[in-house]
PDB file of N, CA and C in Angstrom:
ATOM      1  N   UNK A   1      97.532 115.159  93.203  1.00  0.00           N
ATOM      2  CA  UNK A   1      96.498 115.616  94.231  1.00  0.00           C
ATOM      3  C   UNK A   1      96.755 116.875  94.823  1.00  0.00           C
ATOM      4  N   UNK A   2      96.003 117.879  94.849  1.00  0.00           N
ATOM      5  CA  UNK A   2      96.005 119.123  95.594  1.00  0.00           C
ATOM      6  C   UNK A   2      95.769 118.820  96.975  1.00  0.00           C
ATOM      7  N   UNK A   3      96.796 119.179  97.846  1.00  0.00           N
ATOM      8  CA  UNK A   3      96.739 119.133  99.200  1.00  0.00           C
ATOM      9  C   UNK A   3      95.970 120.370  99.689  1.00  0.00           C
ATOM     10  N   UNK A   4      95.273 120.276 100.864  1.00  0.00           N
ATOM     11  CA  UNK A   4      94.473 121.450 101.205  1.00  0.00           C
ATOM     12  C   UNK A   4      95.058 122.457 101.885  1.00  0.00           C
ATOM     13  N   UNK A   5      96.233 122.083 102.620  1.00  0.00           N
ATOM     14  CA  UNK A   5      96.859 123.027 103.551  1.00  0.00           C
ATOM     15  C   UNK A   5      98.128 123.892 102.729  1.00  0.00           C
ATOM     16  N   UNK A   6      97.795 125.038 102.630  1.00  0.00           N
ATOM     17  CA  UNK A   6      98.700 125.956 101.883  1.00  0.00           C
ATOM     18  C   UNK A   6      99.904 126.280 102.915  1.00  0.00           C
ATOM     19  N   UNK A   7     101.023 126.699 102.364  1.00  0.00           N
ATOM     20  CA  UNK A   7     102.136 127.288 103.132  1.00  0.00           C
ATOM     21  C   UNK A   7     101.748 128.254 104.347  1.00  0.00           C
ATOM     22  N   UNK A   8     100.811 129.154 103.967  1.00  0.00           N
ATOM     23  CA  UNK A   8     100.267 130.213 104.819  1.00  0.00           C
ATOM     24  C   UNK A   8      99.545 129.439 106.030  1.00  0.00           C
ATOM     25  N   UNK A   9      98.667 128.521 105.552  1.00  0.00           N
ATOM     26  CA  UNK A   9      97.762 127.849 106.540  1.00  0.00           C
ATOM     27  C   UNK A   9      98.683 126.957 107.229  1.00  0.00           C
ATOM     28  N   UNK A  10      99.694 126.358 106.892  1.00  0.00           N
ATOM     29  CA  UNK A  10     100.557 125.578 107.594  1.00  0.00           C
ATOM     30  C   UNK A  10     101.291 126.382 108.514  1.00  0.00           C
ATOM     31  N   UNK A  11     101.816 127.379 108.208  1.00  0.00           N
ATOM     32  CA  UNK A  11     102.551 128.369 109.180  1.00  0.00           C
ATOM     33  C   UNK A  11     101.779 128.811 110.339  1.00  0.00           C
ATOM     34  N   UNK A  12     100.370 129.205 110.116  1.00  0.00           N
ATOM     35  CA  UNK A  12      99.565 129.589 111.105  1.00  0.00           C
ATOM     36  C   UNK A  12      99.294 128.560 112.033  1.00  0.00           C
ATOM     37  N   UNK A  13      98.955 127.195 111.556  1.00  0.00           N
ATOM     38  CA  UNK A  13      98.774 126.062 112.170  1.00  0.00           C
ATOM     39  C   UNK A  13      99.857 125.707 113.198  1.00  0.00           C
ATOM     40  N   UNK A  14     101.176 126.005 112.541  1.00  0.00           N
ATOM     41  CA  UNK A  14     102.249 125.639 113.249  1.00  0.00           C
ATOM     42  C   UNK A  14     102.440 126.475 114.544  1.00  0.00           C
ATOM     43  N   UNK A  15     102.070 127.824 114.356  1.00  0.00           N
ATOM     44  CA  UNK A  15     102.118 128.727 115.628  1.00  0.00           C
ATOM     45  C   UNK A  15     101.172 128.100 116.714  1.00  0.00           C
ATOM     46  N   UNK A  16      99.982 127.784 116.264  1.00  0.00           N
ATOM     47  CA  UNK A  16      99.063 127.206 117.246  1.00  0.00           C
ATOM     48  C   UNK A  16      99.474 125.979 117.749  1.00  0.00           C
ATOM     49  N   UNK A  17     100.072 125.067 117.005  1.00  0.00           N
ATOM     50  CA  UNK A  17     100.761 123.883 117.531  1.00  0.00           C
ATOM     51  C   UNK A  17     101.863 124.259 118.494  1.00  0.00           C
ATOM     52  N   UNK A  18     102.701 125.142 118.131  1.00  0.00           N
ATOM     53  CA  UNK A  18     103.733 125.518 119.115  1.00  0.00           C
ATOM     54  C   UNK A  18     103.206 125.903 120.419  1.00  0.00           C
ATOM     55  N   UNK A  19     102.076 126.722 120.350  1.00  0.00           N
ATOM     56  CA  UNK A  19     101.588 127.172 121.608  1.00  0.00           C
ATOM     57  C   UNK A  19     100.905 126.169 122.297  1.00  0.00           C
ATOM     58  N   UNK A  20     100.248 125.141 121.761  1.00  0.00           N
ATOM     59  CA  UNK A  20      99.803 123.878 122.420  1.00  0.00           C
ATOM     60  C   UNK A  20     100.850 123.157 123.070  1.00  0.00           C
ATOM     61  N   UNK A  21     101.991 123.079 122.333  1.00  0.00           N
ATOM     62  CA  UNK A  21     103.042 122.268 123.061  1.00  0.00           C
ATOM     63  C   UNK A  21     103.706 122.901 124.129  1.00  0.00           C
ATOM     64  N   UNK A  22     103.856 124.338 124.106  1.00  0.00           N
ATOM     65  CA  UNK A  22     104.452 125.039 125.301  1.00  0.00           C
ATOM     66  C   UNK A  22     103.508 125.124 126.562  1.00  0.00           C
ATOM     67  N   UNK A  23     102.250 125.304 126.215  1.00  0.00           N
ATOM     68  CA  UNK A  23     101.273 125.486 127.327  1.00  0.00           C
ATOM     69  C   UNK A  23     100.605 124.320 128.002  1.00  0.00           C
ATOM     70  N   UNK A  24      99.991 123.403 126.972  1.00  0.00           N
ATOM     71  CA  UNK A  24      98.920 122.541 127.263  1.00  0.00           C
ATOM     72  C   UNK A  24      99.488 121.492 128.275  1.00  0.00           C
ATOM     73  N   UNK A  25     100.636 120.837 128.278  1.00  0.00           N
ATOM     74  CA  UNK A  25     100.991 119.818 129.035  1.00  0.00           C
ATOM     75  C   UNK A  25     100.835 120.250 130.383  1.00  0.00           C
ATOM     76  N   UNK A  26     101.431 121.603 130.742  1.00  0.00           N
ATOM     77  CA  UNK A  26     101.453 122.086 132.055  1.00  0.00           C
ATOM     78  C   UNK A  26      99.973 122.349 132.562  1.00  0.00           C
ATOM     79  N   UNK A  27      99.236 122.813 131.770  1.00  0.00           N
ATOM     80  CA  UNK A  27      97.853 123.167 132.035  1.00  0.00           C
ATOM     81  C   UNK A  27      97.113 121.963 132.422  1.00  0.00           C
ATOM     82  N   UNK A  28      97.354 120.898 131.645  1.00  0.00           N
ATOM     83  CA  UNK A  28      96.696 119.590 131.959  1.00  0.00           C
ATOM     84  C   UNK A  28      97.315 118.844 133.016  1.00  0.00           C
ATOM     85  N   UNK A  29      98.327 119.275 133.574  1.00  0.00           N
ATOM     86  CA  UNK A  29      98.887 118.762 134.843  1.00  0.00           C
ATOM     87  C   UNK A  29      99.783 117.490 134.638  1.00  0.00           C
ATOM     88  N   UNK A  30     100.245 117.433 133.301  1.00  0.00           N
ATOM     89  CA  UNK A  30     101.105 116.236 132.870  1.00  0.00           C
ATOM     90  C   UNK A  30     102.469 116.338 133.622  1.00  0.00           C
ATOM     91  N   UNK A  31     103.071 115.285 133.811  1.00  0.00           N
ATOM     92  CA  UNK A  31     104.318 115.209 134.440  1.00  0.00           C
ATOM     93  C   UNK A  31     105.286 116.312 133.987  1.00  0.00           C
ATOM     94  N   UNK A  32     106.191 116.604 134.861  1.00  0.00           N
ATOM     95  CA  UNK A  32     107.135 117.653 134.541  1.00  0.00           C
ATOM     96  C   UNK A  32     108.076 117.476 133.423  1.00  0.00           C
ATOM     97  N   UNK A  33     108.458 116.171 133.316  1.00  0.00           N
ATOM     98  CA  UNK A  33     109.397 115.830 132.187  1.00  0.00           C
ATOM     99  C   UNK A  33     108.732 115.999 130.978  1.00  0.00           C
ATOM    100  N   UNK A  34     107.321 115.547 130.821  1.00  0.00           N
ATOM    101  CA  UNK A  34     106.642 115.832 129.613  1.00  0.00           C
ATOM    102  C   UNK A  34     106.452 117.243 129.175  1.00  0.00           C
ATOM    103  N   UNK A  35     106.087 118.127 130.313  1.00  0.00           N
ATOM    104  CA  UNK A  35     105.690 119.522 130.168  1.00  0.00           C
ATOM    105  C   UNK A  35     107.045 120.187 129.680  1.00  0.00           C
ATOM    106  N   UNK A  36     108.204 119.955 130.367  1.00  0.00           N
ATOM    107  CA  UNK A  36     109.422 120.371 129.839  1.00  0.00           C
ATOM    108  C   UNK A  36     109.654 120.011 128.498  1.00  0.00           C
ATOM    109  N   UNK A  37     109.687 118.749 128.025  1.00  0.00           N
ATOM    110  CA  UNK A  37     110.029 118.335 126.760  1.00  0.00           C
ATOM    111  C   UNK A  37     109.202 118.989 125.811  1.00  0.00           C
ATOM    112  N   UNK A  38     107.797 119.207 125.926  1.00  0.00           N
ATOM    113  CA  UNK A  38     107.105 119.662 124.941  1.00  0.00           C
ATOM    114  C   UNK A  38     107.327 121.240 125.049  1.00  0.00           C
ATOM    115  N   UNK A  39     107.643 121.843 126.031  1.00  0.00           N
ATOM    116  CA  UNK A  39     107.862 123.310 126.031  1.00  0.00           C
ATOM    117  C   UNK A  39     109.210 123.687 125.283  1.00  0.00           C
ATOM    118  N   UNK A  40     110.148 122.835 125.223  1.00  0.00           N
ATOM    119  CA  UNK A  40     111.379 122.778 124.401  1.00  0.00           C
ATOM    120  C   UNK A  40     111.063 122.771 123.026  1.00  0.00           C
ATOM    121  N   UNK A  41     110.208 121.597 122.550  1.00  0.00           N
ATOM    122  CA  UNK A  41     109.987 121.349 121.295  1.00  0.00           C
ATOM    123  C   UNK A  41     109.069 122.554 120.704  1.00  0.00           C
ATOM    124  N   UNK A  42     108.109 122.955 121.492  1.00  0.00           N
ATOM    125  CA  UNK A  42     107.313 124.103 121.078  1.00  0.00           C
ATOM    126  C   UNK A  42     108.164 125.236 120.723  1.00  0.00           C
ATOM    127  N   UNK A  43     109.083 125.679 121.669  1.00  0.00           N
ATOM    128  CA  UNK A  43     109.930 126.731 121.410  1.00  0.00           C
ATOM    129  C   UNK A  43     110.793 126.636 120.194  1.00  0.00           C
ATOM    130  N   UNK A  44     111.427 125.559 120.040  1.00  0.00           N
ATOM    131  CA  UNK A  44     112.341 125.149 118.752  1.00  0.00           C
ATOM    132  C   UNK A  44     111.367 125.395 117.460  1.00  0.00           C
ATOM    133  N   UNK A  45     110.201 124.786 117.552  1.00  0.00           N
ATOM    134  CA  UNK A  45     109.427 124.843 116.557  1.00  0.00           C
ATOM    135  C   UNK A  45     108.834 126.169 116.063  1.00  0.00           C
ATOM    136  N   UNK A  46     108.620 127.017 117.146  1.00  0.00           N
ATOM    137  CA  UNK A  46     108.316 128.379 116.925  1.00  0.00           C
ATOM    138  C   UNK A  46     109.290 129.161 116.101  1.00  0.00           C
ATOM    139  N   UNK A  47     110.672 128.763 116.438  1.00  0.00           N
ATOM    140  CA  UNK A  47     111.854 129.575 115.876  1.00  0.00           C
ATOM    141  C   UNK A  47     111.991 129.041 114.367  1.00  0.00           C
ATOM    142  N   UNK A  48     111.783 127.778 114.011  1.00  0.00           N
ATOM    143  CA  UNK A  48     111.670 127.292 112.800  1.00  0.00           C
ATOM    144  C   UNK A  48     110.666 127.897 111.909  1.00  0.00           C
ATOM    145  N   UNK A  49     109.480 127.934 112.483  1.00  0.00           N
ATOM    146  CA  UNK A  49     108.397 128.554 111.743  1.00  0.00           C
ATOM    147  C   UNK A  49     108.439 130.080 111.449  1.00  0.00           C
ATOM    148  N   UNK A  50     109.121 130.884 112.580  1.00  0.00           N
ATOM    149  CA  UNK A  50     109.255 132.180 112.383  1.00  0.00           C
ATOM    150  C   UNK A  50     110.528 132.457 111.438  1.00  0.00           C
ATOM    151  N   UNK A  51     111.377 131.616 111.046  1.00  0.00           N
ATOM    152  CA  UNK A  51     112.311 131.793 110.189  1.00  0.00           C
ATOM    153  C   UNK A  51     112.224 131.045 108.724  1.00  0.00           C
ATOM    154  N   UNK A  52     110.878 130.613 108.537  1.00  0.00           N
ATOM    155  CA  UNK A  52     110.588 130.133 107.243  1.00  0.00           C
ATOM    156  C   UNK A  52     110.139 131.151 106.357  1.00  0.00           C
ATOM    157  N   UNK A  53     110.346 130.934 104.946  1.00  0.00           N
ATOM    158  CA  UNK A  53     109.939 131.838 104.118  1.00  0.00           C
ATOM    159  C   UNK A  53     108.653 131.747 103.573  1.00  0.00           C
ATOM    160  N   UNK A  54     107.625 132.137 104.454  1.00  0.00           N
ATOM    161  CA  UNK A  54     106.159 132.274 104.063  1.00  0.00           C
ATOM    162  C   UNK A  54     105.684 133.696 104.536  1.00  0.00           C
ATOM    163  N   UNK A  55     104.529 133.990 104.086  1.00  0.00           N
ATOM    164  CA  UNK A  55     103.997 135.350 104.472  1.00  0.00           C
ATOM    165  C   UNK A  55     103.801 135.448 106.102  1.00  0.00           C
ATOM    166  N   UNK A  56     103.702 134.384 106.723  1.00  0.00           N
ATOM    167  CA  UNK A  56     103.624 134.327 108.240  1.00  0.00           C
ATOM    168  C   UNK A  56     104.970 134.248 108.909  1.00  0.00           C
ATOM    169  N   UNK A  57     106.224 134.020 108.252  1.00  0.00           N
ATOM    170  CA  UNK A  57     107.376 133.910 108.708  1.00  0.00           C
ATOM    171  C   UNK A  57     108.074 135.308 109.158  1.00  0.00           C
ATOM    172  N   UNK A  58     108.749 135.599 109.998  1.00  0.00           N
ATOM    173  CA  UNK A  58     109.135 136.808 110.470  1.00  0.00           C
ATOM    174  C   UNK A  58     110.493 137.116 109.877  1.00  0.00           C
ATOM    175  N   UNK A  59     111.255 136.254 109.876  1.00  0.00           N
ATOM    176  CA  UNK A  59     112.743 136.445 109.110  1.00  0.00           C
ATOM    177  C   UNK A  59     112.920 135.301 107.994  1.00  0.00           C
ATOM    178  N   UNK A  60     112.750 135.353 106.841  1.00  0.00           N
ATOM    179  CA  UNK A  60     112.610 134.424 105.872  1.00  0.00           C
ATOM    180  C   UNK A  60     114.047 133.847 105.523  1.00  0.00           C
ATOM    181  N   UNK A  61     114.452 132.970 106.400  1.00  0.00           N
ATOM    182  CA  UNK A  61     115.800 132.317 106.168  1.00  0.00           C
ATOM    183  C   UNK A  61     115.717 130.933 105.697  1.00  0.00           C
ATOM    184  N   UNK A  62     114.692 130.157 105.909  1.00  0.00           N
ATOM    185  CA  UNK A  62     114.287 128.816 105.586  1.00  0.00           C
ATOM    186  C   UNK A  62     113.404 128.753 104.399  1.00  0.00           C
ATOM    187  N   UNK A  63     113.773 128.111 103.338  1.00  0.00           N
ATOM    188  CA  UNK A  63     112.673 127.840 102.361  1.00  0.00           C
ATOM    189  C   UNK A  63     111.582 126.849 102.787  1.00  0.00           C
ATOM    190  N   UNK A  64     110.567 126.882 102.165  1.00  0.00           N
ATOM    191  CA  UNK A  64     109.487 126.133 102.639  1.00  0.00           C
ATOM    192  C   UNK A  64     109.785 124.574 102.462  1.00  0.00           C
ATOM    193  N   UNK A  65     110.726 124.250 101.628  1.00  0.00           N
ATOM    194  CA  UNK A  65     111.224 122.882 101.545  1.00  0.00           C
ATOM    195  C   UNK A  65     111.975 122.460 102.557  1.00  0.00           C
ATOM    196  N   UNK A  66     112.748 123.438 102.967  1.00  0.00           N
ATOM    197  CA  UNK A  66     113.498 123.097 104.224  1.00  0.00           C
ATOM    198  C   UNK A  66     112.702 122.903 105.417  1.00  0.00           C
ATOM    199  N   UNK A  67     111.685 123.674 105.487  1.00  0.00           N
ATOM    200  CA  UNK A  67     110.723 123.485 106.629  1.00  0.00           C
ATOM    201  C   UNK A  67     110.146 122.205 106.565  1.00  0.00           C
ATOM    202  N   UNK A  68     109.811 121.641 105.462  1.00  0.00           N
ATOM    203  CA  UNK A  68     109.310 120.437 105.230  1.00  0.00           C
ATOM    204  C   UNK A  68     110.254 119.305 105.891  1.00  0.00           C
ATOM    205  N   UNK A  69     111.558 119.465 105.645  1.00  0.00           N
ATOM    206  CA  UNK A  69     112.673 118.484 106.155  1.00  0.00           C
ATOM    207  C   UNK A  69     112.565 118.785 107.712  1.00  0.00           C
ATOM    208  N   UNK A  70     112.477 119.903 108.313  1.00  0.00           N
ATOM    209  CA  UNK A  70     112.396 120.074 109.688  1.00  0.00           C
ATOM    210  C   UNK A  70     111.121 119.383 110.229  1.00  0.00           C
ATOM    211  N   UNK A  71     110.087 119.446 109.485  1.00  0.00           N
ATOM    212  CA  UNK A  71     108.819 118.722 109.860  1.00  0.00           C
ATOM    213  C   UNK A  71     109.157 117.298 109.981  1.00  0.00           C
ATOM    214  N   UNK A  72     109.914 116.496 108.966  1.00  0.00           N
ATOM    215  CA  UNK A  72     110.051 115.298 109.066  1.00  0.00           C
ATOM    216  C   UNK A  72     110.869 114.875 110.274  1.00  0.00           C
ATOM    217  N   UNK A  73     111.751 115.665 110.422  1.00  0.00           N
ATOM    218  CA  UNK A  73     112.636 115.618 111.798  1.00  0.00           C
ATOM    219  C   UNK A  73     111.908 115.604 112.950  1.00  0.00           C
ATOM    220  N   UNK A  74     111.036 116.649 112.979  1.00  0.00           N
ATOM    221  CA  UNK A  74     110.171 116.718 114.221  1.00  0.00           C
ATOM    222  C   UNK A  74     109.363 115.453 114.419  1.00  0.00           C
ATOM    223  N   UNK A  75     108.712 114.997 113.392  1.00  0.00           N
ATOM    224  CA  UNK A  75     107.764 114.002 113.421  1.00  0.00           C
ATOM    225  C   UNK A  75     108.413 112.653 113.939  1.00  0.00           C
ATOM    226  N   UNK A  76     109.857 112.438 113.335  1.00  0.00           N
ATOM    227  CA  UNK A  76     110.644 111.217 113.617  1.00  0.00           C
ATOM    228  C   UNK A  76     110.889 111.486 115.265  1.00  0.00           C
ATOM    229  N   UNK A  77     111.322 112.676 115.780  1.00  0.00           N
ATOM    230  CA  UNK A  77     111.596 112.876 117.088  1.00  0.00           C
ATOM    231  C   UNK A  77     110.254 112.460 118.005  1.00  0.00           C
ATOM    232  N   UNK A  78     109.198 113.086 117.547  1.00  0.00           N
ATOM    233  CA  UNK A  78     107.962 112.818 118.291  1.00  0.00           C
ATOM    234  C   UNK A  78     107.792 111.229 118.362  1.00  0.00           C
ATOM    235  N   UNK A  79     107.932 110.512 117.147  1.00  0.00           N
ATOM    236  CA  UNK A  79     107.771 109.068 117.233  1.00  0.00           C
ATOM    237  C   UNK A  79     108.676 108.354 118.178  1.00  0.00           C
ATOM    238  N   UNK A  80     109.748 108.673 118.366  1.00  0.00           N
ATOM    239  CA  UNK A  80     110.879 108.180 119.097  1.00  0.00           C
ATOM    240  C   UNK A  80     110.555 108.487 120.556  1.00  0.00           C
ATOM    241  N   UNK A  81     109.926 109.676 120.779  1.00  0.00           N
ATOM    242  CA  UNK A  81     109.671 110.110 122.048  1.00  0.00           C
ATOM    243  C   UNK A  81     108.540 109.257 122.734  1.00  0.00           C
ATOM    244  N   UNK A  82     107.734 108.491 121.877  1.00  0.00           N
ATOM    245  CA  UNK A  82     106.749 107.572 122.451  1.00  0.00           C
ATOM    246  C   UNK A  82     107.268 106.563 123.392  1.00  0.00           C
ATOM    247  N   UNK A  83     108.610 106.075 123.191  1.00  0.00           N
ATOM    248  CA  UNK A  83     109.143 105.131 123.875  1.00  0.00           C
ATOM    249  C   UNK A  83     109.953 105.622 125.194  1.00  0.00           C
ATOM    250  N   UNK A  84     109.932 106.898 125.279  1.00  0.00           N
ATOM    251  CA  UNK A  84     110.510 107.594 126.543  1.00  0.00           C
ATOM    252  C   UNK A  84     109.665 107.098 127.692  1.00  0.00           C
ATOM    253  N   UNK A  85     110.231 106.745 128.786  1.00  0.00           N
ATOM    254  CA  UNK A  85     109.567 106.260 129.920  1.00  0.00           C
ATOM    255  C   UNK A  85     108.704 107.224 130.608  1.00  0.00           C
ATOM    256  N   UNK A  86     109.018 108.370 130.595  1.00  0.00           N
ATOM    257  CA  UNK A  86     108.240 109.537 131.215  1.00  0.00           C
ATOM    258  C   UNK A  86     106.944 109.736 130.351  1.00  0.00           C
ATOM    259  N   UNK A  87     106.861 109.268 129.177  1.00  0.00           N
ATOM    260  CA  UNK A  87     105.597 109.390 128.409  1.00  0.00           C
ATOM    261  C   UNK A  87     105.090 107.971 128.359  1.00  0.00           C
ATOM    262  N   UNK A  88     105.712 107.143 128.055  1.00  0.00           N
ATOM    263  CA  UNK A  88     105.128 105.569 127.889  1.00  0.00           C
ATOM    264  C   UNK A  88     104.556 105.096 129.077  1.00  0.00           C
ATOM    265  N   UNK A  89     105.086 105.453 130.287  1.00  0.00           N
ATOM    266  CA  UNK A  89     104.579 104.957 131.540  1.00  0.00           C
ATOM    267  C   UNK A  89     103.399 105.792 132.255  1.00  0.00           C
ATOM    268  N   UNK A  90     103.177 106.841 131.701  1.00  0.00           N
ATOM    269  CA  UNK A  90     102.190 107.793 132.299  1.00  0.00           C
ATOM    270  C   UNK A  90     100.951 107.914 131.299  1.00  0.00           C
ATOM    271  N   UNK A  91     100.008 107.245 131.616  1.00  0.00           N
ATOM    272  CA  UNK A  91      98.822 107.097 130.697  1.00  0.00           C
ATOM    273  C   UNK A  91      98.246 108.374 130.152  1.00  0.00           C
ATOM    274  N   UNK A  92      98.204 109.379 131.050  1.00  0.00           N
ATOM    275  CA  UNK A  92      97.796 110.754 130.650  1.00  0.00           C
ATOM    276  C   UNK A  92      98.621 111.438 129.630  1.00  0.00           C
ATOM    277  N   UNK A  93     100.018 111.272 130.055  1.00  0.00           N
ATOM    278  CA  UNK A  93     101.069 111.830 129.104  1.00  0.00           C
ATOM    279  C   UNK A  93     101.003 111.147 127.664  1.00  0.00           C
ATOM    280  N   UNK A  94     100.870 109.785 127.817  1.00  0.00           N
ATOM    281  CA  UNK A  94     100.835 109.053 126.574  1.00  0.00           C
ATOM    282  C   UNK A  94      99.627 109.346 125.640  1.00  0.00           C
ATOM    283  N   UNK A  95      98.347 109.587 126.258  1.00  0.00           N
ATOM    284  CA  UNK A  95      97.268 110.056 125.492  1.00  0.00           C
ATOM    285  C   UNK A  95      97.501 111.212 124.888  1.00  0.00           C
ATOM    286  N   UNK A  96      98.019 112.174 125.568  1.00  0.00           N
ATOM    287  CA  UNK A  96      98.295 113.564 125.008  1.00  0.00           C
ATOM    288  C   UNK A  96      99.219 113.507 123.680  1.00  0.00           C
ATOM    289  N   UNK A  97     100.183 112.696 124.140  1.00  0.00           N
ATOM    290  CA  UNK A  97     101.322 112.483 123.199  1.00  0.00           C
ATOM    291  C   UNK A  97     100.831 111.850 121.768  1.00  0.00           C
ATOM    292  N   UNK A  98     100.178 110.755 121.971  1.00  0.00           N
ATOM    293  CA  UNK A  98      99.663 110.235 120.817  1.00  0.00           C
ATOM    294  C   UNK A  98      98.651 110.893 119.954  1.00  0.00           C
ATOM    295  N   UNK A  99      97.922 111.633 120.692  1.00  0.00           N
ATOM    296  CA  UNK A  99      96.996 112.556 120.039  1.00  0.00           C
ATOM    297  C   UNK A  99      97.675 113.608 119.269  1.00  0.00           C
ATOM    298  N   UNK A 100      98.553 114.169 119.789  1.00  0.00           N
ATOM    299  CA  UNK A 100      99.441 115.362 119.273  1.00  0.00           C
ATOM    300  C   UNK A 100     100.234 114.756 118.057  1.00  0.00           C
ATOM    301  N   UNK A 101     100.859 113.619 118.331  1.00  0.00           N
ATOM    302  CA  UNK A 101     101.374 113.068 117.080  1.00  0.00           C
ATOM    303  C   UNK A 101     100.692 112.643 115.935  1.00  0.00           C
ATOM    304  N   UNK A 102      99.323 112.135 116.221  1.00  0.00           N
ATOM    305  CA  UNK A 102      98.470 111.837 115.094  1.00  0.00           C
ATOM    306  C   UNK A 102      98.112 113.126 114.273  1.00  0.00           C
ATOM    307  N   UNK A 103      97.758 114.227 115.152  1.00  0.00           N
ATOM    308  CA  UNK A 103      97.523 115.381 114.641  1.00  0.00           C
ATOM    309  C   UNK A 103      98.664 116.137 113.700  1.00  0.00           C
ATOM    310  N   UNK A 104      99.801 115.976 114.271  1.00  0.00           N
ATOM    311  CA  UNK A 104     100.840 116.607 113.577  1.00  0.00           C
ATOM    312  C   UNK A 104     101.251 115.767 112.136  1.00  0.00           C
ATOM    313  N   UNK A 105     101.008 114.411 112.207  1.00  0.00           N
ATOM    314  CA  UNK A 105     101.247 113.683 111.006  1.00  0.00           C
ATOM    315  C   UNK A 105     100.231 113.970 110.126  1.00  0.00           C
ATOM    316  N   UNK A 106      98.964 114.204 110.466  1.00  0.00           N
ATOM    317  CA  UNK A 106      97.812 114.629 109.533  1.00  0.00           C
ATOM    318  C   UNK A 106      98.207 116.051 108.890  1.00  0.00           C
ATOM    319  N   UNK A 107      98.528 116.736 109.714  1.00  0.00           N
ATOM    320  CA  UNK A 107      99.031 118.177 109.294  1.00  0.00           C
ATOM    321  C   UNK A 107     100.066 118.149 108.273  1.00  0.00           C
ATOM    322  N   UNK A 108     100.998 117.300 108.520  1.00  0.00           N
ATOM    323  CA  UNK A 108     102.164 117.034 107.452  1.00  0.00           C
ATOM    324  C   UNK A 108     101.687 116.543 106.053  1.00  0.00           C
ATOM    325  N   UNK A 109     100.754 115.437 106.295  1.00  0.00           N
ATOM    326  CA  UNK A 109     100.253 114.693 105.043  1.00  0.00           C
ATOM    327  C   UNK A 109      99.356 115.740 104.163  1.00  0.00           C
ATOM    328  N   UNK A 110      98.646 116.512 104.848  1.00  0.00           N
ATOM    329  CA  UNK A 110      97.797 117.374 104.104  1.00  0.00           C
ATOM    330  C   UNK A 110      98.337 118.712 103.530  1.00  0.00           C
ATOM    331  N   UNK A 111      99.633 118.884 103.952  1.00  0.00           N
ATOM    332  CA  UNK A 111     100.269 120.203 103.520  1.00  0.00           C
ATOM    333  C   UNK A 111     100.842 120.112 102.114  1.00  0.00           C
ATOM    334  N   UNK A 112     100.637 121.109 101.374  1.00  0.00           N
ATOM    335  CA  UNK A 112     101.084 121.116 100.000  1.00  0.00           C
ATOM    336  C   UNK A 112     102.445 121.638 100.048  1.00  0.00           C
ATOM    337  N   UNK A 113     103.599 121.077 100.308  1.00  0.00           N
ATOM    338  CA  UNK A 113     104.893 121.585 100.429  1.00  0.00           C
ATOM    339  C   UNK A 113     105.356 122.078  99.127  1.00  0.00           C
ATOM    340  N   UNK A 114     104.772 121.632  97.912  1.00  0.00           N
ATOM    341  CA  UNK A 114     105.278 122.047  96.584  1.00  0.00           C
ATOM    342  C   UNK A 114     104.878 123.488  96.226  1.00  0.00           C
ATOM    343  N   UNK A 115     103.894 123.975  96.962  1.00  0.00           N
ATOM    344  CA  UNK A 115     103.292 125.457  96.626  1.00  0.00           C
ATOM    345  C   UNK A 115     104.201 126.337  97.387  1.00  0.00           C
ATOM    346  N   UNK A 116     105.376 126.626  96.739  1.00  0.00           N
ATOM    347  CA  UNK A 116     106.284 127.430  97.341  1.00  0.00           C
ATOM    348  C   UNK A 116     106.331 128.947  96.832  1.00  0.00           C
ATOM    349  N   UNK A 117     105.892 129.272  95.622  1.00  0.00           N
ATOM    350  CA  UNK A 117     105.929 130.706  95.235  1.00  0.00           C
ATOM    351  C   UNK A 117     105.017 131.548  95.862  1.00  0.00           C
ATOM    352  N   UNK A 118     105.360 132.868  96.088  1.00  0.00           N
ATOM    353  CA  UNK A 118     104.451 133.945  96.796  1.00  0.00           C
ATOM    354  C   UNK A 118     103.130 133.943  96.112  1.00  0.00           C
ATOM    355  N   UNK A 119     103.031 133.885  94.826  1.00  0.00           N
ATOM    356  CA  UNK A 119     101.942 134.126  94.074  1.00  0.00           C
ATOM    357  C   UNK A 119     100.942 132.861  94.260  1.00  0.00           C
ATOM    358  N   UNK A 120     101.434 131.829  94.858  1.00  0.00           N
ATOM    359  CA  UNK A 120     100.514 130.655  95.127  1.00  0.00           C
ATOM    360  C   UNK A 120     100.020 130.537  96.628  1.00  0.00           C
ATOM    361  N   UNK A 121     100.482 131.505  97.334  1.00  0.00           N
ATOM    362  CA  UNK A 121     100.078 131.398  98.724  1.00  0.00           C
ATOM    363  C   UNK A 121      98.541 131.744  98.907  1.00  0.00           C
ATOM    364  N   UNK A 122      98.029 132.533  98.230  1.00  0.00           N
ATOM    365  CA  UNK A 122      96.511 132.818  98.357  1.00  0.00           C
ATOM    366  C   UNK A 122      96.399 133.493  99.518  1.00  0.00           C
ATOM    367  N   UNK A 123      97.091 134.530  99.837  1.00  0.00           N
ATOM    368  CA  UNK A 123      97.093 135.266 101.101  1.00  0.00           C
ATOM    369  C   UNK A 123      95.857 136.170 100.913  1.00  0.00           C
ATOM    370  N   UNK A 124      94.984 136.047 101.756  1.00  0.00           N
ATOM    371  CA  UNK A 124      93.689 136.955 101.602  1.00  0.00           C
ATOM    372  C   UNK A 124      93.528 137.543 103.060  1.00  0.00           C
TER     373      UNK A 124
END
């Protein structure tokens, strides 16, 4: 099955996701622990994305298959974060977190991580 999200689209979406993680919890007035945690996650993920070998990467040090492994680790960390008290006990933080986690899982599942050659990026 061909997955609809190419490496280029994945990288662009990751930059948007990073911005959402860095800014939105504070803008929504979520508790400070949630805002700080998501800002740290967003900053780290911006770095991974910027270092990934795609046309939207800045310094191409991480192969896209390595980025996939980072995505899995990120999703596992987000899953574990669900039980953190500062998220679990705060209804607004939990709603944001579960929505973000669901979107991130969908993004992962719809990405074609096997499309790794530059010729296949379909960069237009």
